[in-house]
């Protein structure tokens, strides 16, 4: 019984630990970064750009909130493209996923490592909630302090083989 209470308490704390201001900033910036991928035209299917938010059961509420904020801000379009944000439970994630980019909340989870691996092999951007996930292979994250910082993980950039327009390299803070 104690174990069950502790587990429920831990899940509640994890759900509360997501910063709504950071989610709002990520919802605003990450879709625009997708457009800065030089090979974005190869990742568009039927004039539709797709971002998958991959989450665990414990992250469902945060994932749903992020999707809602992105949907509200972009109204299913990004420039001339239809823009779709999909929620994908990690249990349902497979190598056949065809999104242009992926977002994960915690790349240190063993089950999430397959998302990072797939993103690398498919040359897709993998966004992370926290730049602390850089050790686990996330390519891009964002940090909000007195201003907003976009972090690019230089140590894995060659593994992703994603090339960005030159302006992105000037605005992103490169982390070794």
N, C-alpha and C. Protein backbone atom coordinates (compact mmCIF):
# COMPACT_ATOMS: atom_id res chain seq x y z
N UNK A 1 0.82 -1.19 0.00
CA UNK A 1 0.00 0.00 0.00
C UNK A 1 0.87 1.26 0.00
N UNK A 2 1.93 1.24 0.81
CA UNK A 2 2.83 2.39 0.85
C UNK A 2 3.48 2.62 -0.52
N UNK A 3 3.85 1.52 -1.16
CA UNK A 3 4.47 1.62 -2.47
C UNK A 3 3.52 2.29 -3.47
N UNK A 4 2.26 1.91 -3.44
CA UNK A 4 1.26 2.49 -4.34
C UNK A 4 1.09 3.98 -4.08
N UNK A 5 1.02 4.37 -2.82
CA UNK A 5 0.89 5.79 -2.48
C UNK A 5 2.13 6.57 -2.93
N UNK A 6 3.30 5.97 -2.70
CA UNK A 6 4.53 6.62 -3.12
C UNK A 6 4.57 6.78 -4.64
N UNK A 7 4.15 5.76 -5.36
CA UNK A 7 4.11 5.82 -6.81
C UNK A 7 3.16 6.91 -7.29
N UNK A 8 1.98 6.98 -6.73
CA UNK A 8 1.01 8.02 -7.12
C UNK A 8 1.53 9.41 -6.80
N UNK A 9 2.18 9.56 -5.65
CA UNK A 9 2.74 10.84 -5.26
C UNK A 9 3.85 11.25 -6.23
N UNK A 10 4.70 10.30 -6.63
CA UNK A 10 5.78 10.57 -7.57
C UNK A 10 5.22 11.00 -8.92
N UNK A 11 4.18 10.33 -9.38
CA UNK A 11 3.56 10.70 -10.66
C UNK A 11 2.99 12.11 -10.58
N UNK A 12 2.34 12.46 -9.48
CA UNK A 12 1.81 13.81 -9.31
C UNK A 12 2.91 14.85 -9.33
N UNK A 13 4.02 14.57 -8.67
CA UNK A 13 5.13 15.52 -8.64
C UNK A 13 5.72 15.68 -10.04
N UNK A 14 5.85 14.57 -10.76
CA UNK A 14 6.37 14.66 -12.13
C UNK A 14 5.44 15.50 -13.00
N UNK A 15 4.16 15.34 -12.84
CA UNK A 15 3.20 16.11 -13.64
C UNK A 15 3.29 17.60 -13.30
N UNK A 16 3.55 17.91 -12.04
CA UNK A 16 3.64 19.31 -11.62
C UNK A 16 4.97 19.95 -11.97
N UNK A 17 5.99 19.15 -12.26
CA UNK A 17 7.32 19.70 -12.48
C UNK A 17 7.50 20.29 -13.88
N UNK A 18 6.51 20.21 -14.73
CA UNK A 18 6.60 20.79 -16.06
C UNK A 18 6.21 22.27 -15.97
N UNK A 19 7.12 23.12 -16.42
CA UNK A 19 6.94 24.57 -16.34
C UNK A 19 6.04 25.05 -17.47
N UNK A 20 4.87 25.62 -17.16
CA UNK A 20 3.95 26.06 -18.22
C UNK A 20 4.54 27.19 -19.08
N UNK A 21 5.37 28.03 -18.51
CA UNK A 21 6.00 29.10 -19.28
C UNK A 21 6.97 28.52 -20.31
N UNK A 22 7.72 27.50 -19.89
CA UNK A 22 8.65 26.84 -20.80
C UNK A 22 7.89 26.12 -21.92
N UNK A 23 6.80 25.44 -21.56
CA UNK A 23 5.98 24.77 -22.59
C UNK A 23 5.45 25.78 -23.60
N UNK A 24 5.00 26.93 -23.11
CA UNK A 24 4.49 27.98 -24.00
C UNK A 24 5.58 28.45 -24.96
N UNK A 25 6.77 28.67 -24.44
CA UNK A 25 7.89 29.12 -25.28
C UNK A 25 8.25 28.04 -26.30
N UNK A 26 8.31 26.79 -25.87
CA UNK A 26 8.63 25.70 -26.78
C UNK A 26 7.55 25.55 -27.86
N UNK A 27 6.31 25.69 -27.47
CA UNK A 27 5.20 25.59 -28.42
C UNK A 27 5.29 26.68 -29.48
N UNK A 28 5.80 27.81 -29.11
CA UNK A 28 5.93 28.92 -30.04
C UNK A 28 7.14 28.78 -30.96
N UNK A 29 8.25 28.28 -30.43
CA UNK A 29 9.51 28.29 -31.17
C UNK A 29 9.79 26.99 -31.94
N UNK A 30 9.51 25.84 -31.37
CA UNK A 30 9.91 24.58 -32.00
C UNK A 30 9.33 24.38 -33.41
N UNK A 31 8.06 24.67 -33.64
CA UNK A 31 7.56 24.51 -35.03
C UNK A 31 8.31 25.39 -36.04
N UNK A 32 8.70 26.59 -35.62
CA UNK A 32 9.45 27.48 -36.52
C UNK A 32 10.83 26.92 -36.81
N UNK A 33 11.44 26.29 -35.81
CA UNK A 33 12.75 25.67 -36.01
C UNK A 33 12.65 24.55 -37.04
N UNK A 34 11.55 23.83 -37.03
CA UNK A 34 11.36 22.77 -38.01
C UNK A 34 11.52 23.31 -39.43
N UNK A 35 11.02 24.51 -39.66
CA UNK A 35 11.10 25.10 -41.00
C UNK A 35 12.52 25.51 -41.38
N UNK A 36 13.42 25.59 -40.41
CA UNK A 36 14.80 25.97 -40.68
C UNK A 36 15.68 24.78 -41.07
N UNK A 37 15.10 23.60 -41.11
CA UNK A 37 15.78 22.40 -41.59
C UNK A 37 15.91 22.52 -43.11
N UNK A 38 17.13 22.46 -43.63
CA UNK A 38 17.34 22.59 -45.08
C UNK A 38 16.63 21.52 -45.88
N UNK A 39 16.43 20.36 -45.29
CA UNK A 39 15.79 19.24 -46.00
C UNK A 39 14.33 19.07 -45.61
N UNK A 40 13.70 20.13 -45.17
CA UNK A 40 12.31 20.02 -44.70
C UNK A 40 11.38 19.56 -45.83
N UNK A 41 11.68 19.90 -47.05
CA UNK A 41 10.80 19.49 -48.16
C UNK A 41 10.75 17.97 -48.30
N UNK A 42 11.81 17.28 -47.90
CA UNK A 42 11.83 15.82 -47.94
C UNK A 42 11.02 15.19 -46.81
N UNK A 43 10.66 15.99 -45.83
CA UNK A 43 9.97 15.48 -44.64
C UNK A 43 8.50 15.86 -44.62
N UNK A 44 8.06 16.47 -45.69
CA UNK A 44 6.66 16.87 -45.83
C UNK A 44 5.93 15.80 -46.64
N UNK A 45 4.84 15.34 -46.10
CA UNK A 45 4.03 14.31 -46.78
C UNK A 45 2.66 14.91 -47.09
N UNK A 46 2.28 14.93 -48.35
CA UNK A 46 0.97 15.44 -48.79
C UNK A 46 0.72 16.86 -48.27
N UNK A 47 1.74 17.73 -48.45
CA UNK A 47 1.66 19.12 -48.02
C UNK A 47 1.34 19.25 -46.52
N UNK A 48 1.84 18.29 -45.74
CA UNK A 48 1.55 18.24 -44.30
C UNK A 48 2.84 18.03 -43.54
N UNK A 49 3.09 18.90 -42.58
CA UNK A 49 4.24 18.82 -41.70
C UNK A 49 3.77 18.28 -40.36
N UNK A 50 4.45 17.24 -39.84
CA UNK A 50 3.98 16.56 -38.64
C UNK A 50 5.03 16.63 -37.53
N UNK A 51 4.58 16.98 -36.34
CA UNK A 51 5.38 16.93 -35.13
C UNK A 51 4.74 15.92 -34.19
N UNK A 52 5.50 14.90 -33.80
CA UNK A 52 5.00 13.91 -32.84
C UNK A 52 5.50 14.26 -31.44
N UNK A 53 4.59 14.37 -30.51
CA UNK A 53 4.93 14.54 -29.10
C UNK A 53 4.85 13.15 -28.49
N UNK A 54 6.01 12.58 -28.18
CA UNK A 54 6.08 11.22 -27.67
C UNK A 54 6.13 11.30 -26.15
N UNK A 55 5.22 10.56 -25.50
CA UNK A 55 5.08 10.69 -24.05
C UNK A 55 4.84 9.34 -23.40
N UNK A 56 5.06 9.30 -22.10
CA UNK A 56 4.73 8.12 -21.30
C UNK A 56 3.33 8.35 -20.73
N UNK A 57 2.80 7.33 -20.07
CA UNK A 57 1.48 7.49 -19.44
C UNK A 57 1.49 8.63 -18.43
N UNK A 58 2.57 8.75 -17.68
CA UNK A 58 2.66 9.80 -16.64
C UNK A 58 2.77 11.19 -17.25
N UNK A 59 3.16 11.30 -18.51
CA UNK A 59 3.34 12.59 -19.17
C UNK A 59 2.17 12.99 -20.06
N UNK A 60 1.12 12.20 -20.06
CA UNK A 60 -0.01 12.44 -20.96
C UNK A 60 -0.61 13.83 -20.80
N UNK A 61 -0.81 14.25 -19.56
CA UNK A 61 -1.42 15.58 -19.32
C UNK A 61 -0.53 16.70 -19.86
N UNK A 62 0.78 16.61 -19.63
CA UNK A 62 1.70 17.63 -20.13
C UNK A 62 1.75 17.61 -21.65
N UNK A 63 1.75 16.43 -22.24
CA UNK A 63 1.78 16.30 -23.70
C UNK A 63 0.51 16.90 -24.31
N UNK A 64 -0.62 16.62 -23.70
CA UNK A 64 -1.89 17.15 -24.18
C UNK A 64 -1.90 18.68 -24.08
N UNK A 65 -1.35 19.21 -22.99
CA UNK A 65 -1.28 20.67 -22.81
C UNK A 65 -0.40 21.29 -23.89
N UNK A 66 0.76 20.68 -24.14
CA UNK A 66 1.66 21.20 -25.17
C UNK A 66 0.99 21.17 -26.54
N UNK A 67 0.34 20.08 -26.87
CA UNK A 67 -0.37 19.97 -28.15
C UNK A 67 -1.43 21.05 -28.27
N UNK A 68 -2.18 21.27 -27.20
CA UNK A 68 -3.23 22.28 -27.20
C UNK A 68 -2.66 23.68 -27.45
N UNK A 69 -1.55 23.98 -26.82
CA UNK A 69 -0.93 25.30 -26.98
C UNK A 69 -0.43 25.48 -28.42
N UNK A 70 0.19 24.44 -28.97
CA UNK A 70 0.68 24.51 -30.36
C UNK A 70 -0.49 24.65 -31.32
N UNK A 71 -1.53 23.84 -31.12
CA UNK A 71 -2.70 23.91 -32.00
C UNK A 71 -3.35 25.29 -31.97
N UNK A 72 -3.42 25.87 -30.79
CA UNK A 72 -4.03 27.20 -30.65
C UNK A 72 -3.18 28.25 -31.34
N UNK A 73 -1.86 28.17 -31.16
CA UNK A 73 -0.98 29.18 -31.74
C UNK A 73 -0.89 29.08 -33.26
N UNK A 74 -0.84 27.88 -33.79
CA UNK A 74 -0.61 27.71 -35.23
C UNK A 74 -1.86 27.36 -36.02
N UNK A 75 -2.95 27.01 -35.35
CA UNK A 75 -4.22 26.74 -36.02
C UNK A 75 -4.06 25.79 -37.21
N UNK A 76 -3.29 24.72 -37.01
CA UNK A 76 -3.09 23.66 -38.00
C UNK A 76 -2.41 24.10 -39.29
N UNK A 77 -1.70 25.21 -39.23
CA UNK A 77 -0.93 25.60 -40.43
C UNK A 77 0.38 26.26 -40.01
N UNK A 78 1.37 26.04 -40.82
CA UNK A 78 2.69 26.62 -40.60
C UNK A 78 3.15 27.13 -41.96
N UNK A 79 3.05 28.41 -42.14
CA UNK A 79 3.30 28.98 -43.47
C UNK A 79 2.23 28.48 -44.43
N UNK A 80 2.66 27.93 -45.55
CA UNK A 80 1.73 27.40 -46.55
C UNK A 80 1.40 25.93 -46.31
N UNK A 81 1.94 25.36 -45.26
CA UNK A 81 1.77 23.93 -45.00
C UNK A 81 0.69 23.66 -43.96
N UNK A 82 0.04 22.53 -44.12
CA UNK A 82 -0.81 22.04 -43.03
C UNK A 82 0.13 21.53 -41.95
N UNK A 83 -0.18 21.84 -40.71
CA UNK A 83 0.68 21.45 -39.60
C UNK A 83 -0.12 20.59 -38.64
N UNK A 84 0.38 19.39 -38.41
CA UNK A 84 -0.32 18.46 -37.54
C UNK A 84 0.57 18.08 -36.37
N UNK A 85 0.01 18.16 -35.18
CA UNK A 85 0.70 17.73 -33.97
C UNK A 85 0.00 16.47 -33.48
N UNK A 86 0.77 15.39 -33.34
CA UNK A 86 0.18 14.13 -32.91
C UNK A 86 0.74 13.75 -31.54
N UNK A 87 -0.12 13.17 -30.72
CA UNK A 87 0.31 12.61 -29.45
C UNK A 87 0.57 11.12 -29.67
N UNK A 88 1.76 10.66 -29.30
CA UNK A 88 2.13 9.27 -29.49
C UNK A 88 2.63 8.73 -28.15
N UNK A 89 1.90 7.75 -27.63
CA UNK A 89 2.35 7.11 -26.40
C UNK A 89 3.60 6.29 -26.73
N UNK A 90 4.57 6.33 -25.85
CA UNK A 90 5.82 5.62 -26.09
C UNK A 90 5.59 4.14 -26.33
N UNK A 91 4.55 3.58 -25.74
CA UNK A 91 4.24 2.16 -25.95
C UNK A 91 3.84 1.88 -27.40
N UNK A 92 3.32 2.91 -28.09
CA UNK A 92 2.86 2.75 -29.47
C UNK A 92 3.87 3.22 -30.51
N UNK A 93 5.00 3.76 -30.05
CA UNK A 93 5.99 4.30 -30.98
C UNK A 93 6.72 3.17 -31.68
N UNK A 94 6.86 3.31 -33.01
CA UNK A 94 7.57 2.29 -33.79
C UNK A 94 8.45 2.93 -34.83
N UNK A 95 9.28 2.14 -35.44
CA UNK A 95 10.23 2.62 -36.45
C UNK A 95 9.54 3.15 -37.70
N UNK A 96 8.26 2.86 -37.87
CA UNK A 96 7.53 3.34 -39.05
C UNK A 96 7.05 4.78 -38.89
N UNK A 97 7.28 5.39 -37.74
CA UNK A 97 6.84 6.77 -37.53
C UNK A 97 7.44 7.67 -38.60
N UNK A 98 6.63 8.58 -39.13
CA UNK A 98 7.05 9.40 -40.26
C UNK A 98 6.96 10.90 -40.00
N UNK A 99 7.03 11.29 -38.76
CA UNK A 99 6.96 12.72 -38.43
C UNK A 99 8.21 13.44 -38.92
N UNK A 100 8.07 14.73 -39.15
CA UNK A 100 9.22 15.55 -39.55
C UNK A 100 10.11 15.84 -38.35
N UNK A 101 9.53 15.79 -37.13
CA UNK A 101 10.30 16.03 -35.91
C UNK A 101 9.58 15.36 -34.74
N UNK A 102 10.36 15.16 -33.66
CA UNK A 102 9.82 14.52 -32.46
C UNK A 102 10.13 15.38 -31.25
N UNK A 103 9.25 15.30 -30.28
CA UNK A 103 9.43 16.01 -29.00
C UNK A 103 9.31 14.98 -27.89
N UNK A 104 10.26 14.99 -26.95
CA UNK A 104 10.19 14.10 -25.80
C UNK A 104 10.38 14.90 -24.52
N UNK A 105 9.77 14.42 -23.45
CA UNK A 105 9.88 15.10 -22.16
C UNK A 105 11.10 14.66 -21.36
N UNK A 106 11.49 13.40 -21.46
CA UNK A 106 12.59 12.88 -20.65
C UNK A 106 13.33 11.82 -21.44
N UNK A 107 14.44 12.21 -22.04
CA UNK A 107 15.20 11.29 -22.89
C UNK A 107 16.01 10.28 -22.10
N UNK A 108 16.09 10.44 -20.79
CA UNK A 108 16.87 9.49 -20.00
C UNK A 108 16.12 8.19 -19.75
N UNK A 109 14.81 8.19 -20.01
CA UNK A 109 14.04 6.96 -19.83
C UNK A 109 14.45 5.94 -20.89
N UNK A 110 14.69 4.70 -20.49
CA UNK A 110 15.11 3.68 -21.47
C UNK A 110 14.14 3.54 -22.64
N UNK A 111 12.86 3.65 -22.39
CA UNK A 111 11.88 3.49 -23.46
C UNK A 111 11.93 4.64 -24.47
N UNK A 112 12.41 5.80 -24.06
CA UNK A 112 12.46 6.97 -24.94
C UNK A 112 13.70 6.94 -25.83
N UNK A 113 14.68 6.18 -25.47
CA UNK A 113 15.90 6.11 -26.26
C UNK A 113 15.64 5.65 -27.69
N UNK A 114 14.58 4.83 -27.88
CA UNK A 114 14.27 4.39 -29.24
C UNK A 114 13.77 5.55 -30.10
N UNK A 115 13.16 6.56 -29.49
CA UNK A 115 12.73 7.75 -30.24
C UNK A 115 13.95 8.52 -30.72
N UNK A 116 14.90 8.73 -29.82
CA UNK A 116 16.12 9.45 -30.17
C UNK A 116 16.88 8.69 -31.26
N UNK A 117 16.99 7.39 -31.12
CA UNK A 117 17.68 6.57 -32.11
C UNK A 117 16.99 6.65 -33.47
N UNK A 118 15.67 6.57 -33.47
CA UNK A 118 14.92 6.67 -34.73
C UNK A 118 15.11 8.05 -35.37
N UNK A 119 15.05 9.09 -34.57
CA UNK A 119 15.22 10.44 -35.10
C UNK A 119 16.59 10.60 -35.76
N UNK A 120 17.60 10.06 -35.14
CA UNK A 120 18.95 10.14 -35.71
C UNK A 120 19.02 9.39 -37.04
N UNK A 121 18.52 8.17 -37.06
CA UNK A 121 18.63 7.36 -38.29
C UNK A 121 17.76 7.90 -39.41
N UNK A 122 16.65 8.55 -39.08
CA UNK A 122 15.76 9.10 -40.10
C UNK A 122 16.08 10.57 -40.42
N UNK A 123 17.13 11.11 -39.81
CA UNK A 123 17.55 12.50 -39.99
C UNK A 123 16.42 13.47 -39.67
N UNK A 124 15.81 13.24 -38.52
CA UNK A 124 14.72 14.09 -38.02
C UNK A 124 15.19 14.83 -36.78
N UNK A 125 14.64 16.00 -36.56
CA UNK A 125 14.96 16.77 -35.36
C UNK A 125 14.29 16.11 -34.16
N UNK A 126 15.02 16.06 -33.06
CA UNK A 126 14.44 15.57 -31.81
C UNK A 126 14.56 16.67 -30.77
N UNK A 127 13.43 17.26 -30.42
CA UNK A 127 13.38 18.31 -29.41
C UNK A 127 13.23 17.67 -28.04
N UNK A 128 13.79 18.30 -27.03
CA UNK A 128 13.65 17.82 -25.67
C UNK A 128 13.12 18.90 -24.77
N UNK A 129 12.39 18.49 -23.75
CA UNK A 129 11.85 19.44 -22.78
C UNK A 129 12.99 20.20 -22.09
N UNK A 130 14.05 19.48 -21.74
CA UNK A 130 15.14 20.08 -21.00
C UNK A 130 16.47 19.88 -21.70
N UNK A 131 17.31 20.89 -21.66
CA UNK A 131 18.64 20.75 -22.24
C UNK A 131 19.48 19.75 -21.44
N UNK A 132 19.01 19.36 -20.27
CA UNK A 132 19.70 18.34 -19.48
C UNK A 132 19.65 16.98 -20.19
N UNK A 133 18.76 16.85 -21.15
CA UNK A 133 18.65 15.61 -21.94
C UNK A 133 19.71 15.52 -23.04
N UNK A 134 20.57 16.52 -23.16
CA UNK A 134 21.62 16.46 -24.18
C UNK A 134 22.52 15.25 -24.00
N UNK A 135 22.76 14.85 -22.77
CA UNK A 135 23.59 13.66 -22.53
C UNK A 135 22.92 12.40 -23.09
N UNK A 136 21.62 12.46 -23.30
CA UNK A 136 20.87 11.31 -23.81
C UNK A 136 20.54 11.44 -25.29
N UNK A 137 21.16 12.42 -25.97
CA UNK A 137 21.08 12.49 -27.42
C UNK A 137 20.08 13.45 -28.02
N UNK A 138 19.43 14.27 -27.21
CA UNK A 138 18.49 15.26 -27.75
C UNK A 138 19.26 16.28 -28.59
N UNK A 139 18.69 16.73 -29.69
CA UNK A 139 19.36 17.67 -30.58
C UNK A 139 19.13 19.13 -30.17
N UNK A 140 17.88 19.48 -29.85
CA UNK A 140 17.54 20.88 -29.57
C UNK A 140 16.66 20.98 -28.34
N UNK A 141 16.94 21.98 -27.53
CA UNK A 141 16.07 22.29 -26.40
C UNK A 141 16.01 23.81 -26.24
N UNK A 142 15.23 24.23 -25.30
CA UNK A 142 15.01 25.65 -25.10
C UNK A 142 15.03 25.92 -23.60
N UNK A 143 15.53 27.06 -23.21
CA UNK A 143 15.61 27.43 -21.81
C UNK A 143 15.12 28.86 -21.66
N UNK A 144 14.27 29.08 -20.68
CA UNK A 144 13.74 30.42 -20.43
C UNK A 144 14.31 30.93 -19.11
N UNK A 145 15.00 32.04 -19.19
CA UNK A 145 15.52 32.69 -17.99
C UNK A 145 15.08 34.14 -18.10
N UNK A 146 16.01 35.08 -18.08
CA UNK A 146 15.62 36.46 -18.32
C UNK A 146 15.30 36.69 -19.80
N UNK A 147 15.76 35.77 -20.63
CA UNK A 147 15.39 35.72 -22.04
C UNK A 147 15.33 34.27 -22.47
N UNK A 148 14.93 34.02 -23.69
CA UNK A 148 14.80 32.65 -24.18
C UNK A 148 16.07 32.25 -24.92
N UNK A 149 16.56 31.06 -24.59
CA UNK A 149 17.76 30.52 -25.22
C UNK A 149 17.40 29.23 -25.94
N UNK A 150 17.83 29.13 -27.19
CA UNK A 150 17.68 27.89 -27.95
C UNK A 150 19.04 27.20 -27.89
N UNK A 151 19.04 25.97 -27.40
CA UNK A 151 20.28 25.20 -27.28
C UNK A 151 20.35 24.14 -28.37
N UNK A 152 21.52 24.05 -29.00
CA UNK A 152 21.79 23.05 -30.02
C UNK A 152 22.91 22.15 -29.51
N UNK A 153 22.67 20.86 -29.50
CA UNK A 153 23.63 19.89 -29.00
C UNK A 153 24.64 19.54 -30.10
N UNK A 154 25.78 20.21 -30.09
CA UNK A 154 26.77 20.03 -31.14
C UNK A 154 27.36 18.63 -31.16
N UNK A 155 27.46 17.99 -30.00
CA UNK A 155 28.10 16.68 -29.94
C UNK A 155 27.31 15.59 -30.68
N UNK A 156 26.02 15.80 -30.93
CA UNK A 156 25.24 14.79 -31.66
C UNK A 156 24.74 15.30 -33.01
N UNK A 157 25.05 16.53 -33.35
CA UNK A 157 24.55 17.11 -34.60
C UNK A 157 24.96 16.25 -35.81
N UNK A 158 26.18 15.77 -35.84
CA UNK A 158 26.63 14.95 -36.97
C UNK A 158 25.88 13.61 -37.02
N UNK A 159 25.44 13.09 -35.88
CA UNK A 159 24.68 11.83 -35.87
C UNK A 159 23.30 12.01 -36.48
N UNK A 160 22.70 13.17 -36.30
CA UNK A 160 21.39 13.45 -36.87
C UNK A 160 21.49 13.76 -38.36
N UNK A 161 22.62 14.30 -38.78
CA UNK A 161 22.83 14.69 -40.18
C UNK A 161 21.77 15.67 -40.65
N UNK A 162 21.31 16.52 -39.76
CA UNK A 162 20.35 17.57 -40.09
C UNK A 162 21.14 18.85 -40.31
N UNK A 163 20.89 19.49 -41.42
CA UNK A 163 21.54 20.76 -41.74
C UNK A 163 20.48 21.86 -41.66
N UNK A 164 20.82 22.93 -40.98
CA UNK A 164 19.90 24.05 -40.81
C UNK A 164 20.33 25.23 -41.66
N UNK A 165 19.40 26.14 -41.88
CA UNK A 165 19.75 27.37 -42.58
C UNK A 165 20.74 28.14 -41.71
N UNK A 166 21.60 28.94 -42.31
CA UNK A 166 22.65 29.64 -41.54
C UNK A 166 22.12 30.51 -40.39
N UNK A 167 20.95 31.09 -40.54
CA UNK A 167 20.43 31.95 -39.48
C UNK A 167 20.23 31.18 -38.17
N UNK A 168 19.87 29.90 -38.27
CA UNK A 168 19.65 29.12 -37.06
C UNK A 168 20.92 29.01 -36.23
N UNK A 169 22.05 28.82 -36.89
CA UNK A 169 23.32 28.68 -36.17
C UNK A 169 23.72 29.98 -35.49
N UNK A 170 23.21 31.10 -35.97
CA UNK A 170 23.50 32.38 -35.34
C UNK A 170 22.62 32.65 -34.12
N UNK A 171 21.41 32.10 -34.12
CA UNK A 171 20.51 32.36 -32.98
C UNK A 171 20.58 31.28 -31.91
N UNK A 172 21.05 30.11 -32.27
CA UNK A 172 21.12 29.01 -31.30
C UNK A 172 22.42 29.10 -30.50
N UNK A 173 22.31 28.69 -29.27
CA UNK A 173 23.48 28.59 -28.40
C UNK A 173 23.99 27.17 -28.52
N UNK A 174 25.20 27.02 -29.04
CA UNK A 174 25.75 25.70 -29.28
C UNK A 174 26.41 25.18 -28.00
N UNK A 175 25.99 23.98 -27.61
CA UNK A 175 26.52 23.33 -26.43
C UNK A 175 27.37 22.15 -26.88
N UNK A 176 28.58 22.06 -26.36
CA UNK A 176 29.48 20.95 -26.71
C UNK A 176 29.07 19.67 -26.05
